[in-house]
């Protein structure tokens, strides 16, 4: 049996659970699905739209990389977030020092 879900922040967990239960899971592009649904953004409309698109083989699918690639992407995303956090902390330190008339 096939199931369609929209790509969102928690798609990976739902995808893994449904696959373990034996379903064939298709991941849909939420932007294109929303456009097809004529801009009506409601869970009930989304579910019907996803079911109709899956049934007619017009589901706008999103590529799902293998687990190794997903882990590398997670690692890269985590490093980028840590780098942004480091820069924010450095900016805050500089701001406090400038307020105290301490030049670097």
N, C-alpha and C. Protein backbone atom coordinates (compact mmCIF):
# COMPACT_ATOMS: atom_id res chain seq x y z
N UNK A 1 0.85 -1.18 0.00
CA UNK A 1 0.00 0.00 0.00
C UNK A 1 0.89 1.24 0.00
N UNK A 2 0.49 2.25 -0.75
CA UNK A 2 1.24 3.50 -0.85
C UNK A 2 0.64 4.56 0.07
N UNK A 3 1.52 5.36 0.63
CA UNK A 3 1.10 6.49 1.46
C UNK A 3 1.89 7.72 1.01
N UNK A 4 1.23 8.87 0.93
CA UNK A 4 1.88 10.12 0.57
C UNK A 4 1.90 11.02 1.80
N UNK A 5 3.06 11.61 2.08
CA UNK A 5 3.18 12.60 3.15
C UNK A 5 3.89 13.82 2.59
N UNK A 6 3.58 14.98 3.16
CA UNK A 6 4.27 16.20 2.72
C UNK A 6 5.60 16.33 3.44
N UNK A 7 6.57 16.88 2.74
CA UNK A 7 7.86 17.15 3.35
C UNK A 7 7.68 18.29 4.36
N UNK A 8 8.12 18.06 5.58
CA UNK A 8 8.04 19.07 6.63
C UNK A 8 9.17 18.79 7.62
N UNK A 9 9.17 19.46 8.72
CA UNK A 9 10.25 19.30 9.69
C UNK A 9 10.37 17.92 10.29
N UNK A 10 9.30 17.17 10.34
CA UNK A 10 9.32 15.85 10.98
C UNK A 10 9.10 14.71 9.98
N UNK A 11 9.30 14.97 8.70
CA UNK A 11 9.00 13.96 7.69
C UNK A 11 9.82 12.70 7.88
N UNK A 12 11.07 12.84 8.32
CA UNK A 12 11.95 11.69 8.40
C UNK A 12 11.46 10.65 9.41
N UNK A 13 10.98 11.11 10.56
CA UNK A 13 10.46 10.19 11.57
C UNK A 13 9.23 9.45 11.08
N UNK A 14 8.29 10.21 10.50
CA UNK A 14 7.07 9.59 9.96
C UNK A 14 7.41 8.62 8.84
N UNK A 15 8.34 9.02 7.98
CA UNK A 15 8.76 8.19 6.85
C UNK A 15 9.33 6.86 7.35
N UNK A 16 10.22 6.92 8.33
CA UNK A 16 10.84 5.70 8.86
C UNK A 16 9.83 4.78 9.52
N UNK A 17 8.92 5.33 10.30
CA UNK A 17 7.90 4.52 10.98
C UNK A 17 7.00 3.84 9.96
N UNK A 18 6.53 4.60 8.97
CA UNK A 18 5.62 4.03 7.97
C UNK A 18 6.33 2.96 7.13
N UNK A 19 7.59 3.19 6.81
CA UNK A 19 8.36 2.18 6.04
C UNK A 19 8.52 0.90 6.85
N UNK A 20 8.81 1.05 8.16
CA UNK A 20 8.95 -0.12 9.03
C UNK A 20 7.64 -0.91 9.12
N UNK A 21 6.52 -0.23 8.99
CA UNK A 21 5.22 -0.90 9.02
C UNK A 21 4.88 -1.55 7.67
N UNK A 22 5.75 -1.37 6.69
CA UNK A 22 5.57 -2.04 5.41
C UNK A 22 4.92 -1.22 4.31
N UNK A 23 4.73 0.08 4.54
CA UNK A 23 4.11 0.92 3.52
C UNK A 23 5.16 1.44 2.54
N UNK A 24 4.72 1.70 1.33
CA UNK A 24 5.56 2.39 0.35
C UNK A 24 5.23 3.87 0.50
N UNK A 25 6.21 4.65 0.96
CA UNK A 25 5.97 6.04 1.31
C UNK A 25 6.52 6.96 0.22
N UNK A 26 5.69 7.89 -0.21
CA UNK A 26 6.08 8.91 -1.19
C UNK A 26 6.10 10.25 -0.47
N UNK A 27 7.16 11.01 -0.68
CA UNK A 27 7.31 12.31 -0.05
C UNK A 27 6.94 13.39 -1.06
N UNK A 28 5.95 14.19 -0.71
CA UNK A 28 5.42 15.20 -1.64
C UNK A 28 6.01 16.58 -1.37
N UNK A 29 6.18 17.35 -2.43
CA UNK A 29 6.64 18.73 -2.34
C UNK A 29 5.46 19.58 -1.86
N UNK A 30 5.54 20.18 -0.65
CA UNK A 30 4.40 20.91 -0.11
C UNK A 30 4.01 22.15 -0.91
N UNK A 31 4.99 22.84 -1.49
CA UNK A 31 4.70 24.05 -2.27
C UNK A 31 3.88 23.72 -3.51
N UNK A 32 4.31 22.70 -4.24
CA UNK A 32 3.58 22.33 -5.46
C UNK A 32 2.22 21.76 -5.11
N UNK A 33 2.16 20.95 -4.05
CA UNK A 33 0.88 20.39 -3.62
C UNK A 33 -0.09 21.51 -3.24
N UNK A 34 0.43 22.51 -2.53
CA UNK A 34 -0.39 23.65 -2.13
C UNK A 34 -0.90 24.42 -3.35
N UNK A 35 -0.03 24.61 -4.34
CA UNK A 35 -0.44 25.30 -5.57
C UNK A 35 -1.52 24.52 -6.31
N UNK A 36 -1.38 23.22 -6.35
CA UNK A 36 -2.38 22.39 -7.02
C UNK A 36 -3.72 22.45 -6.30
N UNK A 37 -3.69 22.56 -4.98
CA UNK A 37 -4.92 22.59 -4.18
C UNK A 37 -5.60 23.95 -4.23
N UNK A 38 -5.20 24.80 -5.15
CA UNK A 38 -5.81 26.12 -5.36
C UNK A 38 -5.67 27.04 -4.16
N UNK A 39 -4.61 26.89 -3.41
CA UNK A 39 -4.35 27.81 -2.31
C UNK A 39 -5.18 27.56 -1.06
N UNK A 40 -5.98 26.51 -1.04
CA UNK A 40 -6.76 26.20 0.16
C UNK A 40 -5.87 25.39 1.09
N UNK A 41 -5.40 26.00 2.15
CA UNK A 41 -4.47 25.34 3.05
C UNK A 41 -5.20 24.86 4.29
N UNK A 42 -5.66 23.63 4.22
CA UNK A 42 -6.30 22.98 5.37
C UNK A 42 -5.88 21.52 5.33
N UNK A 43 -5.73 20.92 6.49
CA UNK A 43 -5.30 19.52 6.55
C UNK A 43 -6.23 18.61 5.78
N UNK A 44 -7.53 18.87 5.87
CA UNK A 44 -8.51 18.03 5.19
C UNK A 44 -8.33 18.12 3.66
N UNK A 45 -8.16 19.33 3.17
CA UNK A 45 -7.94 19.54 1.73
C UNK A 45 -6.61 18.95 1.31
N UNK A 46 -5.56 19.16 2.13
CA UNK A 46 -4.24 18.61 1.82
C UNK A 46 -4.29 17.09 1.72
N UNK A 47 -4.94 16.45 2.66
CA UNK A 47 -5.01 14.98 2.66
C UNK A 47 -5.73 14.48 1.42
N UNK A 48 -6.83 15.11 1.05
CA UNK A 48 -7.57 14.69 -0.15
C UNK A 48 -6.73 14.94 -1.40
N UNK A 49 -6.07 16.09 -1.45
CA UNK A 49 -5.23 16.42 -2.60
C UNK A 49 -4.09 15.42 -2.73
N UNK A 50 -3.42 15.11 -1.61
CA UNK A 50 -2.34 14.13 -1.65
C UNK A 50 -2.84 12.77 -2.12
N UNK A 51 -3.99 12.35 -1.61
CA UNK A 51 -4.54 11.05 -2.01
C UNK A 51 -4.89 11.04 -3.49
N UNK A 52 -5.50 12.12 -3.97
CA UNK A 52 -5.85 12.19 -5.40
C UNK A 52 -4.61 12.19 -6.28
N UNK A 53 -3.60 12.96 -5.91
CA UNK A 53 -2.37 13.03 -6.69
C UNK A 53 -1.62 11.69 -6.69
N UNK A 54 -1.63 11.02 -5.56
CA UNK A 54 -0.97 9.72 -5.47
C UNK A 54 -1.70 8.69 -6.34
N UNK A 55 -3.02 8.71 -6.25
CA UNK A 55 -3.83 7.76 -7.01
C UNK A 55 -3.67 7.93 -8.51
N UNK A 56 -3.52 9.18 -8.97
CA UNK A 56 -3.43 9.46 -10.40
C UNK A 56 -1.98 9.55 -10.91
N UNK A 57 -1.03 9.22 -10.03
CA UNK A 57 0.40 9.27 -10.37
C UNK A 57 0.89 10.68 -10.76
N UNK A 58 0.30 11.71 -10.17
CA UNK A 58 0.74 13.09 -10.41
C UNK A 58 1.32 13.74 -9.16
N UNK A 59 1.69 12.92 -8.18
CA UNK A 59 2.23 13.44 -6.93
C UNK A 59 3.60 14.08 -7.19
N UNK A 60 3.76 15.37 -6.83
CA UNK A 60 5.07 16.02 -7.02
C UNK A 60 6.04 15.53 -5.95
N UNK A 61 6.80 14.51 -6.27
CA UNK A 61 7.67 13.85 -5.29
C UNK A 61 8.96 14.63 -5.05
N UNK A 62 9.47 14.46 -3.85
CA UNK A 62 10.73 15.03 -3.43
C UNK A 62 11.74 13.89 -3.35
N UNK A 63 12.95 14.15 -3.82
CA UNK A 63 14.02 13.14 -3.77
C UNK A 63 14.40 12.87 -2.33
N UNK A 64 14.52 11.60 -1.98
CA UNK A 64 14.96 11.21 -0.65
C UNK A 64 16.31 10.51 -0.78
N UNK A 65 17.38 11.16 -0.31
CA UNK A 65 18.70 10.54 -0.41
C UNK A 65 18.83 9.38 0.57
N UNK A 66 19.87 8.56 0.38
CA UNK A 66 20.07 7.43 1.29
C UNK A 66 20.55 7.94 2.65
N UNK A 67 20.59 7.03 3.63
CA UNK A 67 20.91 7.41 5.02
C UNK A 67 22.29 8.04 5.16
N UNK A 68 23.27 7.57 4.40
CA UNK A 68 24.62 8.14 4.49
C UNK A 68 24.62 9.61 4.09
N UNK A 69 23.93 9.93 3.01
CA UNK A 69 23.85 11.33 2.56
C UNK A 69 23.08 12.17 3.57
N UNK A 70 22.00 11.62 4.12
CA UNK A 70 21.23 12.36 5.13
C UNK A 70 22.08 12.67 6.35
N UNK A 71 22.90 11.72 6.77
CA UNK A 71 23.78 11.96 7.92
C UNK A 71 24.82 13.03 7.61
N UNK A 72 25.37 13.01 6.40
CA UNK A 72 26.33 14.05 6.02
C UNK A 72 25.66 15.42 5.96
N UNK A 73 24.45 15.47 5.46
CA UNK A 73 23.71 16.74 5.42
C UNK A 73 23.45 17.25 6.83
N UNK A 74 23.05 16.33 7.74
CA UNK A 74 22.81 16.72 9.13
C UNK A 74 24.08 17.28 9.76
N UNK A 75 25.20 16.61 9.51
CA UNK A 75 26.48 17.05 10.07
C UNK A 75 26.85 18.43 9.53
N UNK A 76 26.68 18.62 8.24
CA UNK A 76 26.99 19.91 7.62
C UNK A 76 26.08 21.01 8.16
N UNK A 77 24.79 20.71 8.29
CA UNK A 77 23.83 21.68 8.83
C UNK A 77 24.18 22.04 10.27
N UNK A 78 24.58 21.04 11.05
CA UNK A 78 24.94 21.27 12.45
C UNK A 78 26.18 22.17 12.54
N UNK A 79 27.18 21.91 11.71
CA UNK A 79 28.39 22.73 11.70
C UNK A 79 28.06 24.18 11.33
N UNK A 80 27.20 24.35 10.33
CA UNK A 80 26.81 25.70 9.91
C UNK A 80 26.08 26.42 11.05
N UNK A 81 25.22 25.72 11.77
CA UNK A 81 24.50 26.33 12.90
C UNK A 81 25.47 26.72 14.01
N UNK A 82 26.46 25.86 14.29
CA UNK A 82 27.45 26.18 15.31
C UNK A 82 28.29 27.39 14.90
N UNK A 83 28.63 27.47 13.63
CA UNK A 83 29.40 28.62 13.13
C UNK A 83 28.60 29.90 13.29
N UNK A 84 27.31 29.87 12.93
CA UNK A 84 26.46 31.06 13.11
C UNK A 84 26.36 31.46 14.58
N UNK A 85 26.25 30.46 15.45
CA UNK A 85 26.16 30.72 16.88
C UNK A 85 27.46 31.36 17.40
N UNK A 86 28.61 30.84 16.95
CA UNK A 86 29.90 31.40 17.35
C UNK A 86 30.00 32.87 16.95
N UNK A 87 29.59 33.18 15.72
CA UNK A 87 29.65 34.56 15.22
C UNK A 87 28.75 35.46 16.06
N UNK A 88 27.55 34.97 16.42
CA UNK A 88 26.64 35.76 17.26
C UNK A 88 27.27 36.07 18.62
N UNK A 89 27.90 35.06 19.21
CA UNK A 89 28.53 35.25 20.52
C UNK A 89 29.68 36.25 20.41
N UNK A 90 30.48 36.12 19.36
CA UNK A 90 31.58 37.08 19.16
C UNK A 90 31.05 38.50 19.02
N UNK A 91 29.96 38.67 18.28
CA UNK A 91 29.37 40.00 18.10
C UNK A 91 28.86 40.56 19.42
N UNK A 92 28.25 39.69 20.24
CA UNK A 92 27.76 40.15 21.55
C UNK A 92 28.91 40.58 22.45
N UNK A 93 29.98 39.80 22.45
CA UNK A 93 31.16 40.15 23.26
C UNK A 93 31.72 41.50 22.81
N UNK A 94 31.86 41.69 21.52
CA UNK A 94 32.37 42.96 20.99
C UNK A 94 31.45 44.12 21.39
N UNK A 95 30.14 43.88 21.33
CA UNK A 95 29.19 44.92 21.72
C UNK A 95 29.33 45.31 23.18
N UNK A 96 29.48 44.34 24.06
CA UNK A 96 29.66 44.63 25.49
C UNK A 96 30.97 45.38 25.74
N UNK A 97 32.01 44.96 25.04
CA UNK A 97 33.30 45.63 25.21
C UNK A 97 33.23 47.08 24.72
N UNK A 98 32.56 47.32 23.59
CA UNK A 98 32.42 48.68 23.07
C UNK A 98 31.61 49.56 24.01
N UNK A 99 30.58 48.98 24.64
CA UNK A 99 29.78 49.75 25.59
C UNK A 99 30.60 50.16 26.81
N UNK A 100 31.60 49.35 27.12
CA UNK A 100 32.47 49.66 28.26
C UNK A 100 33.70 50.43 27.85
N UNK A 101 33.68 51.00 26.64
CA UNK A 101 34.79 51.78 26.12
C UNK A 101 36.11 50.99 26.06
N UNK A 102 35.98 49.71 25.78
CA UNK A 102 37.16 48.86 25.64
C UNK A 102 37.31 48.57 24.15
N UNK A 103 38.39 49.09 23.56
CA UNK A 103 38.63 48.84 22.14
C UNK A 103 39.50 47.62 21.97
N UNK A 104 39.26 46.93 20.90
CA UNK A 104 40.05 45.72 20.64
C UNK A 104 41.04 45.96 19.53
